[in-house]
Amino acid sequence: LTEGRYLTFESRGYALTAIRDRYAGVTMATKHHNDIRQRWILHAVRGTSDQFTIQSAWDKKYISGGTRYLGTLTSDESRAQTFTVNYNPNGAMYTLQVGDKDQYVSVEQSSGSTLQTLLASSATPLQWTSRKEWFEIYSVSYLK
């Protein structure tokens, strides 16, 4: 992985998506990875090779950190959540670990009402679970 490129994060037919300028969720992945709301840019955290903040290419907002705001989008880079990106060479898949905690980004459905379920009925909520979710990451380029 390299920072500064457009990437899509996809798992089980869903892609990480910026939803309504407010939060990170998932929607159905597109065949050609061309939905701008599903494009993300990684920014390396100084002094590490596997930790990044994740910024939406659509609205330039970052996925937020902190218990209360985790998963919301913010323009304030200082509130961006650090993610540890772990690689599995056997399947060329990645996990998105929340910092160094035992929490991972997941597309798993939740029975409880979360900020994500309240804001969008057409998107699947992004969850933060102890279960590792494996994502395929596509590096994509777009012609203007």
N, C-alpha and C. Protein backbone atom coordinates (compact mmCIF):
# COMPACT_ATOMS: atom_id res chain seq x y z
N LEU A 1 0.84 -1.19 0.00
CA LEU A 1 0.00 0.00 0.00
C LEU A 1 0.87 1.24 0.00
N THR A 2 0.45 2.21 -0.75
CA THR A 2 1.14 3.49 -0.73
C THR A 2 0.13 4.60 -0.50
N GLU A 3 0.58 5.63 0.17
CA GLU A 3 -0.35 6.71 0.46
C GLU A 3 -0.53 7.60 -0.76
N GLY A 4 -1.65 8.32 -0.77
CA GLY A 4 -1.90 9.30 -1.81
C GLY A 4 -2.61 8.79 -3.05
N ARG A 5 -2.82 7.48 -3.16
CA ARG A 5 -3.54 6.92 -4.32
C ARG A 5 -5.01 6.74 -3.95
N TYR A 6 -5.84 6.63 -4.98
CA TYR A 6 -7.24 6.29 -4.74
C TYR A 6 -7.34 4.79 -4.51
N LEU A 7 -8.02 4.42 -3.42
CA LEU A 7 -8.20 3.01 -3.08
C LEU A 7 -9.67 2.75 -2.82
N THR A 8 -10.10 1.52 -3.10
CA THR A 8 -11.41 1.07 -2.64
C THR A 8 -11.18 -0.12 -1.72
N PHE A 9 -12.00 -0.21 -0.67
CA PHE A 9 -11.93 -1.29 0.32
C PHE A 9 -13.22 -2.09 0.18
N GLU A 10 -13.10 -3.37 -0.21
CA GLU A 10 -14.28 -4.17 -0.51
C GLU A 10 -14.27 -5.50 0.23
N SER A 11 -15.46 -5.88 0.72
CA SER A 11 -15.63 -7.15 1.42
C SER A 11 -17.04 -7.65 1.20
N ARG A 12 -17.15 -8.92 0.82
CA ARG A 12 -18.45 -9.58 0.66
C ARG A 12 -19.42 -8.80 -0.22
N GLY A 13 -18.90 -8.17 -1.27
CA GLY A 13 -19.76 -7.44 -2.20
C GLY A 13 -20.07 -6.01 -1.79
N TYR A 14 -19.54 -5.58 -0.68
CA TYR A 14 -19.75 -4.21 -0.20
C TYR A 14 -18.45 -3.44 -0.25
N ALA A 15 -18.57 -2.11 -0.35
CA ALA A 15 -17.39 -1.25 -0.36
C ALA A 15 -17.54 -0.16 0.70
N LEU A 16 -16.44 0.16 1.35
CA LEU A 16 -16.41 1.27 2.30
C LEU A 16 -16.83 2.53 1.55
N THR A 17 -17.79 3.28 2.12
CA THR A 17 -18.41 4.40 1.40
C THR A 17 -18.60 5.60 2.31
N ALA A 18 -18.35 6.79 1.78
CA ALA A 18 -18.68 8.03 2.49
C ALA A 18 -20.18 8.27 2.30
N ILE A 19 -20.92 8.31 3.39
CA ILE A 19 -22.37 8.44 3.33
C ILE A 19 -22.79 9.85 3.75
N ARG A 20 -23.40 10.56 2.83
CA ARG A 20 -24.00 11.87 3.10
C ARG A 20 -23.10 12.86 3.83
N ASP A 21 -21.81 12.84 3.55
CA ASP A 21 -20.85 13.76 4.20
C ASP A 21 -20.82 13.61 5.72
N ARG A 22 -21.37 12.51 6.25
CA ARG A 22 -21.51 12.44 7.70
C ARG A 22 -20.81 11.25 8.35
N TYR A 23 -20.78 10.12 7.68
CA TYR A 23 -20.17 8.95 8.31
C TYR A 23 -19.68 7.96 7.26
N ALA A 24 -18.86 7.02 7.71
CA ALA A 24 -18.38 5.94 6.85
C ALA A 24 -19.30 4.75 7.03
N GLY A 25 -19.78 4.24 5.93
CA GLY A 25 -20.64 3.07 5.93
C GLY A 25 -20.23 2.18 4.78
N VAL A 26 -21.11 1.29 4.38
CA VAL A 26 -20.84 0.46 3.21
C VAL A 26 -22.06 0.43 2.32
N THR A 27 -21.80 0.40 1.02
CA THR A 27 -22.84 0.22 0.01
C THR A 27 -22.34 -0.86 -0.94
N MET A 28 -23.21 -1.29 -1.82
CA MET A 28 -22.81 -2.32 -2.78
C MET A 28 -21.60 -1.84 -3.58
N ALA A 29 -20.61 -2.70 -3.72
CA ALA A 29 -19.42 -2.37 -4.50
C ALA A 29 -19.81 -2.27 -5.98
N THR A 30 -19.11 -1.42 -6.70
CA THR A 30 -19.36 -1.29 -8.13
C THR A 30 -18.36 -2.15 -8.90
N LYS A 31 -18.80 -2.66 -10.04
CA LYS A 31 -17.97 -3.57 -10.83
C LYS A 31 -16.63 -2.95 -11.22
N HIS A 32 -16.65 -1.67 -11.58
CA HIS A 32 -15.43 -1.01 -12.06
C HIS A 32 -14.79 -0.12 -11.00
N HIS A 33 -15.26 -0.22 -9.74
CA HIS A 33 -14.69 0.55 -8.63
C HIS A 33 -14.69 2.05 -8.93
N ASN A 34 -15.77 2.55 -9.55
CA ASN A 34 -15.77 3.92 -10.04
C ASN A 34 -16.72 4.87 -9.32
N ASP A 35 -17.28 4.48 -8.19
CA ASP A 35 -18.13 5.39 -7.41
C ASP A 35 -17.21 6.26 -6.56
N ILE A 36 -17.24 7.57 -6.77
CA ILE A 36 -16.33 8.46 -6.05
C ILE A 36 -16.54 8.40 -4.54
N ARG A 37 -17.74 8.06 -4.09
CA ARG A 37 -17.99 7.95 -2.64
C ARG A 37 -17.26 6.74 -2.04
N GLN A 38 -16.83 5.81 -2.90
CA GLN A 38 -16.12 4.62 -2.43
C GLN A 38 -14.61 4.74 -2.59
N ARG A 39 -14.13 5.90 -2.98
CA ARG A 39 -12.69 6.13 -3.14
C ARG A 39 -12.13 6.73 -1.86
N TRP A 40 -10.98 6.22 -1.46
CA TRP A 40 -10.34 6.67 -0.22
C TRP A 40 -8.86 6.90 -0.47
N ILE A 41 -8.29 7.74 0.36
CA ILE A 41 -6.86 8.05 0.28
C ILE A 41 -6.25 7.76 1.64
N LEU A 42 -5.17 6.98 1.66
CA LEU A 42 -4.46 6.70 2.91
C LEU A 42 -3.40 7.76 3.14
N HIS A 43 -3.24 8.15 4.40
CA HIS A 43 -2.17 9.06 4.80
C HIS A 43 -1.38 8.37 5.90
N ALA A 44 -0.11 8.14 5.66
CA ALA A 44 0.74 7.44 6.63
C ALA A 44 0.87 8.25 7.91
N VAL A 45 0.84 7.53 9.03
CA VAL A 45 1.09 8.15 10.33
C VAL A 45 2.59 8.16 10.52
N ARG A 46 3.12 9.29 10.85
CA ARG A 46 4.58 9.47 10.95
C ARG A 46 5.24 8.39 11.80
N GLY A 47 6.31 7.83 11.27
CA GLY A 47 7.11 6.86 12.02
C GLY A 47 6.61 5.44 11.96
N THR A 48 5.56 5.16 11.18
CA THR A 48 5.04 3.80 11.09
C THR A 48 4.93 3.39 9.62
N SER A 49 4.92 2.08 9.39
CA SER A 49 4.76 1.60 8.02
C SER A 49 3.40 0.96 7.79
N ASP A 50 2.62 0.75 8.86
CA ASP A 50 1.34 0.07 8.70
C ASP A 50 0.17 0.84 9.29
N GLN A 51 0.38 2.08 9.73
CA GLN A 51 -0.70 2.87 10.32
C GLN A 51 -1.00 4.08 9.44
N PHE A 52 -2.32 4.27 9.24
CA PHE A 52 -2.77 5.31 8.32
C PHE A 52 -4.03 5.97 8.84
N THR A 53 -4.28 7.20 8.40
CA THR A 53 -5.60 7.79 8.49
C THR A 53 -6.23 7.58 7.12
N ILE A 54 -7.57 7.58 7.09
CA ILE A 54 -8.29 7.31 5.85
C ILE A 54 -9.16 8.51 5.52
N GLN A 55 -8.95 9.07 4.33
CA GLN A 55 -9.65 10.27 3.89
C GLN A 55 -10.51 9.95 2.67
N SER A 56 -11.73 10.46 2.67
CA SER A 56 -12.63 10.28 1.53
C SER A 56 -12.17 11.14 0.36
N ALA A 57 -12.10 10.54 -0.82
CA ALA A 57 -11.77 11.30 -2.03
C ALA A 57 -12.95 12.17 -2.46
N TRP A 58 -14.14 11.81 -2.01
CA TRP A 58 -15.35 12.52 -2.41
C TRP A 58 -15.46 13.88 -1.74
N ASP A 59 -15.36 13.91 -0.42
CA ASP A 59 -15.57 15.17 0.31
C ASP A 59 -14.34 15.61 1.10
N LYS A 60 -13.25 14.85 0.97
CA LYS A 60 -11.96 15.16 1.63
C LYS A 60 -12.04 15.08 3.15
N LYS A 61 -13.05 14.42 3.68
CA LYS A 61 -13.17 14.26 5.13
C LYS A 61 -12.52 12.95 5.57
N TYR A 62 -12.10 12.93 6.83
CA TYR A 62 -11.42 11.77 7.41
C TYR A 62 -12.41 10.96 8.25
N ILE A 63 -12.16 9.66 8.36
CA ILE A 63 -12.92 8.84 9.30
C ILE A 63 -12.43 9.21 10.70
N SER A 64 -13.38 9.58 11.57
CA SER A 64 -13.05 10.10 12.90
C SER A 64 -12.70 9.01 13.88
N GLY A 65 -12.02 9.42 14.93
CA GLY A 65 -11.68 8.53 16.03
C GLY A 65 -12.45 8.90 17.28
N GLY A 66 -12.14 8.20 18.35
CA GLY A 66 -12.80 8.44 19.63
C GLY A 66 -14.06 7.62 19.75
N THR A 67 -14.39 7.23 20.97
CA THR A 67 -15.53 6.36 21.22
C THR A 67 -16.83 6.96 20.70
N ARG A 68 -17.04 8.22 20.95
CA ARG A 68 -18.31 8.85 20.57
C ARG A 68 -18.42 9.10 19.06
N TYR A 69 -17.31 9.41 18.42
CA TYR A 69 -17.35 9.82 17.02
C TYR A 69 -16.81 8.79 16.03
N LEU A 70 -16.39 7.64 16.50
CA LEU A 70 -15.78 6.64 15.63
C LEU A 70 -16.72 6.30 14.47
N GLY A 71 -16.21 6.51 13.27
CA GLY A 71 -17.00 6.21 12.09
C GLY A 71 -17.65 7.42 11.45
N THR A 72 -17.74 8.53 12.18
CA THR A 72 -18.25 9.74 11.55
C THR A 72 -17.14 10.34 10.70
N LEU A 73 -17.49 11.27 9.84
CA LEU A 73 -16.51 11.93 9.00
C LEU A 73 -16.24 13.33 9.53
N THR A 74 -14.99 13.75 9.47
CA THR A 74 -14.60 15.07 9.97
C THR A 74 -13.63 15.74 9.01
N SER A 75 -13.72 17.06 8.94
CA SER A 75 -12.75 17.84 8.17
C SER A 75 -11.50 18.11 8.98
N ASP A 76 -11.57 17.87 10.29
CA ASP A 76 -10.48 18.15 11.22
C ASP A 76 -9.51 16.97 11.24
N GLU A 77 -8.37 17.13 10.59
CA GLU A 77 -7.38 16.05 10.50
C GLU A 77 -6.93 15.56 11.87
N SER A 78 -6.93 16.43 12.87
CA SER A 78 -6.48 16.04 14.21
C SER A 78 -7.46 15.08 14.88
N ARG A 79 -8.69 14.98 14.38
CA ARG A 79 -9.68 14.04 14.93
C ARG A 79 -9.75 12.74 14.13
N ALA A 80 -8.88 12.60 13.14
CA ALA A 80 -8.90 11.40 12.30
C ALA A 80 -8.44 10.18 13.09
N GLN A 81 -9.13 9.06 12.88
CA GLN A 81 -8.77 7.80 13.52
C GLN A 81 -7.56 7.20 12.81
N THR A 82 -6.63 6.66 13.58
CA THR A 82 -5.52 5.90 13.02
C THR A 82 -5.96 4.45 12.86
N PHE A 83 -5.70 3.89 11.69
CA PHE A 83 -6.00 2.48 11.43
C PHE A 83 -4.71 1.74 11.16
N THR A 84 -4.59 0.54 11.73
CA THR A 84 -3.48 -0.34 11.41
C THR A 84 -3.96 -1.26 10.30
N VAL A 85 -3.25 -1.25 9.18
CA VAL A 85 -3.63 -2.07 8.03
C VAL A 85 -2.76 -3.32 8.06
N ASN A 86 -3.41 -4.48 8.29
CA ASN A 86 -2.70 -5.76 8.36
C ASN A 86 -2.92 -6.54 7.07
N TYR A 87 -1.85 -7.09 6.55
CA TYR A 87 -1.89 -7.81 5.27
C TYR A 87 -1.79 -9.31 5.48
N ASN A 88 -2.63 -10.06 4.76
CA ASN A 88 -2.57 -11.52 4.75
C ASN A 88 -2.12 -11.95 3.36
N PRO A 89 -0.86 -12.37 3.20
CA PRO A 89 -0.35 -12.71 1.87
C PRO A 89 -1.03 -13.92 1.24
N ASN A 90 -1.63 -14.80 2.04
CA ASN A 90 -2.27 -15.99 1.49
C ASN A 90 -3.46 -15.66 0.61
N GLY A 91 -4.22 -14.65 0.99
CA GLY A 91 -5.39 -14.30 0.20
C GLY A 91 -5.32 -12.91 -0.38
N ALA A 92 -4.19 -12.25 -0.22
CA ALA A 92 -4.02 -10.86 -0.66
C ALA A 92 -5.17 -10.00 -0.12
N MET A 93 -5.43 -10.16 1.16
CA MET A 93 -6.51 -9.44 1.83
C MET A 93 -5.92 -8.63 2.98
N TYR A 94 -6.72 -7.67 3.46
CA TYR A 94 -6.28 -6.77 4.51
C TYR A 94 -7.35 -6.64 5.58
N THR A 95 -6.92 -6.38 6.81
CA THR A 95 -7.85 -5.97 7.86
C THR A 95 -7.58 -4.50 8.15
N LEU A 96 -8.62 -3.82 8.63
CA LEU A 96 -8.51 -2.44 9.07
C LEU A 96 -8.76 -2.43 10.57
N GLN A 97 -7.68 -2.39 11.32
CA GLN A 97 -7.75 -2.43 12.77
C GLN A 97 -7.81 -1.01 13.30
N VAL A 98 -8.69 -0.77 14.27
CA VAL A 98 -8.84 0.55 14.86
C VAL A 98 -7.65 0.81 15.77
N GLY A 99 -6.69 1.60 15.28
CA GLY A 99 -5.47 1.87 16.05
C GLY A 99 -4.77 0.59 16.41
N ASP A 100 -4.49 0.42 17.70
CA ASP A 100 -3.87 -0.82 18.17
C ASP A 100 -4.83 -1.59 19.08
N LYS A 101 -6.12 -1.26 19.01
CA LYS A 101 -7.13 -1.93 19.83
C LYS A 101 -7.54 -3.25 19.18
N ASP A 102 -8.28 -4.05 19.91
CA ASP A 102 -8.80 -5.30 19.37
C ASP A 102 -10.16 -5.04 18.71
N GLN A 103 -10.22 -4.03 17.85
CA GLN A 103 -11.42 -3.69 17.11
C GLN A 103 -11.06 -3.58 15.64
N TYR A 104 -11.97 -4.06 14.81
CA TYR A 104 -11.74 -4.06 13.37
C TYR A 104 -12.96 -3.49 12.65
N VAL A 105 -12.72 -2.89 11.50
CA VAL A 105 -13.81 -2.45 10.65
C VAL A 105 -14.48 -3.69 10.08
N SER A 106 -15.81 -3.71 10.11
CA SER A 106 -16.56 -4.86 9.64
C SER A 106 -17.83 -4.39 8.92
N VAL A 107 -18.31 -5.17 7.99
CA VAL A 107 -19.58 -4.88 7.34
C VAL A 107 -20.71 -5.67 7.98
N GLU A 108 -20.45 -6.26 9.11
CA GLU A 108 -21.42 -7.07 9.83
C GLU A 108 -22.62 -6.23 10.25
N GLN A 109 -23.83 -6.80 10.10
CA GLN A 109 -25.04 -6.12 10.53
C GLN A 109 -25.15 -6.14 12.05
N SER A 110 -25.72 -5.10 12.59
CA SER A 110 -25.95 -5.01 14.03
C SER A 110 -27.44 -4.90 14.28
N SER A 111 -27.91 -5.51 15.35
CA SER A 111 -29.34 -5.43 15.66
C SER A 111 -29.69 -4.14 16.38
N GLY A 112 -28.70 -3.47 16.96
CA GLY A 112 -28.96 -2.23 17.69
C GLY A 112 -29.00 -1.03 16.77
N SER A 113 -29.62 0.03 17.25
CA SER A 113 -29.64 1.28 16.48
C SER A 113 -28.33 2.02 16.68
N THR A 114 -27.65 2.28 15.60
CA THR A 114 -26.40 3.03 15.66
C THR A 114 -26.59 4.31 14.87
N LEU A 115 -25.64 5.21 14.98
CA LEU A 115 -25.68 6.43 14.19
C LEU A 115 -25.86 6.10 12.72
N GLN A 116 -25.14 5.09 12.26
CA GLN A 116 -25.20 4.74 10.85
C GLN A 116 -26.60 4.28 10.43
N THR A 117 -27.25 3.45 11.24
CA THR A 117 -28.57 2.95 10.85
C THR A 117 -29.61 4.05 10.91
N LEU A 118 -29.41 5.02 11.79
CA LEU A 118 -30.35 6.12 11.89
C LEU A 118 -30.25 7.07 10.70
N LEU A 119 -29.06 7.23 10.15
CA LEU A 119 -28.84 8.21 9.09
C LEU A 119 -29.14 7.69 7.69
N ALA A 120 -29.04 6.40 7.48
CA ALA A 120 -29.23 5.89 6.11
C ALA A 120 -29.85 4.52 6.13
N SER A 121 -30.93 4.39 5.40
CA SER A 121 -31.56 3.08 5.32
C SER A 121 -31.06 2.28 4.13
N SER A 122 -30.48 2.94 3.13
CA SER A 122 -30.01 2.23 1.94
C SER A 122 -28.58 1.74 2.07
N ALA A 123 -27.90 2.13 3.13
CA ALA A 123 -26.51 1.71 3.33
C ALA A 123 -26.44 0.74 4.49
N THR A 124 -25.52 -0.19 4.40
CA THR A 124 -25.27 -1.11 5.49
C THR A 124 -24.34 -0.42 6.48
N PRO A 125 -24.66 -0.47 7.77
CA PRO A 125 -23.79 0.20 8.73
C PRO A 125 -22.41 -0.44 8.79
N LEU A 126 -21.45 0.38 9.00
CA LEU A 126 -20.09 -0.08 9.25
C LEU A 126 -20.02 -0.40 10.73
N GLN A 127 -19.47 -1.52 11.08
CA GLN A 127 -19.39 -1.92 12.48
C GLN A 127 -17.93 -1.98 12.92
N TRP A 128 -17.73 -1.92 14.21
CA TRP A 128 -16.41 -2.03 14.82
C TRP A 128 -16.49 -3.24 15.74
N THR A 129 -15.88 -4.36 15.34
CA THR A 129 -16.03 -5.60 16.08
C THR A 129 -14.67 -6.21 16.40
N SER A 130 -14.68 -7.21 17.27
CA SER A 130 -13.44 -7.93 17.58
C SER A 130 -13.15 -9.00 16.53
N ARG A 131 -14.10 -9.22 15.61
CA ARG A 131 -13.92 -10.20 14.54
C ARG A 131 -13.22 -9.54 13.36
N LYS A 132 -12.17 -10.18 12.87
CA LYS A 132 -11.44 -9.63 11.73
C LYS A 132 -12.26 -9.77 10.45
N GLU A 133 -12.43 -8.67 9.76
CA GLU A 133 -13.08 -8.66 8.44
C GLU A 133 -11.97 -8.47 7.42
N TRP A 134 -11.93 -9.34 6.42
CA TRP A 134 -10.89 -9.25 5.40
C TRP A 134 -11.40 -8.47 4.20
N PHE A 135 -10.64 -7.46 3.81
CA PHE A 135 -10.99 -6.59 2.69
C PHE A 135 -10.02 -6.79 1.53
N GLU A 136 -10.56 -6.71 0.33
CA GLU A 136 -9.71 -6.57 -0.85
C GLU A 136 -9.53 -5.08 -1.05
N ILE A 137 -8.32 -4.66 -1.36
CA ILE A 137 -8.07 -3.24 -1.61
C ILE A 137 -7.65 -3.09 -3.06
N TYR A 138 -8.36 -2.23 -3.76
CA TYR A 138 -8.06 -1.96 -5.17
C TYR A 138 -7.48 -0.57 -5.30
N SER A 139 -6.35 -0.46 -5.97
CA SER A 139 -5.77 0.83 -6.30
C SER A 139 -6.33 1.21 -7.66
N VAL A 140 -6.99 2.36 -7.72
CA VAL A 140 -7.71 2.73 -8.94
C VAL A 140 -7.27 4.09 -9.47
N SER A 141 -7.34 4.23 -10.77
CA SER A 141 -7.05 5.49 -11.46
C SER A 141 -8.28 5.87 -12.27
N TYR A 142 -8.50 7.15 -12.43
CA TYR A 142 -9.67 7.61 -13.16
C TYR A 142 -9.26 8.63 -14.21
N LEU A 143 -9.83 8.49 -15.39
CA LEU A 143 -9.60 9.46 -16.46
C LEU A 143 -10.57 10.61 -16.27
N LYS A 144 -10.13 11.79 -16.57
CA LYS A 144 -11.01 12.96 -16.42
C LYS A 144 -11.74 13.24 -17.70
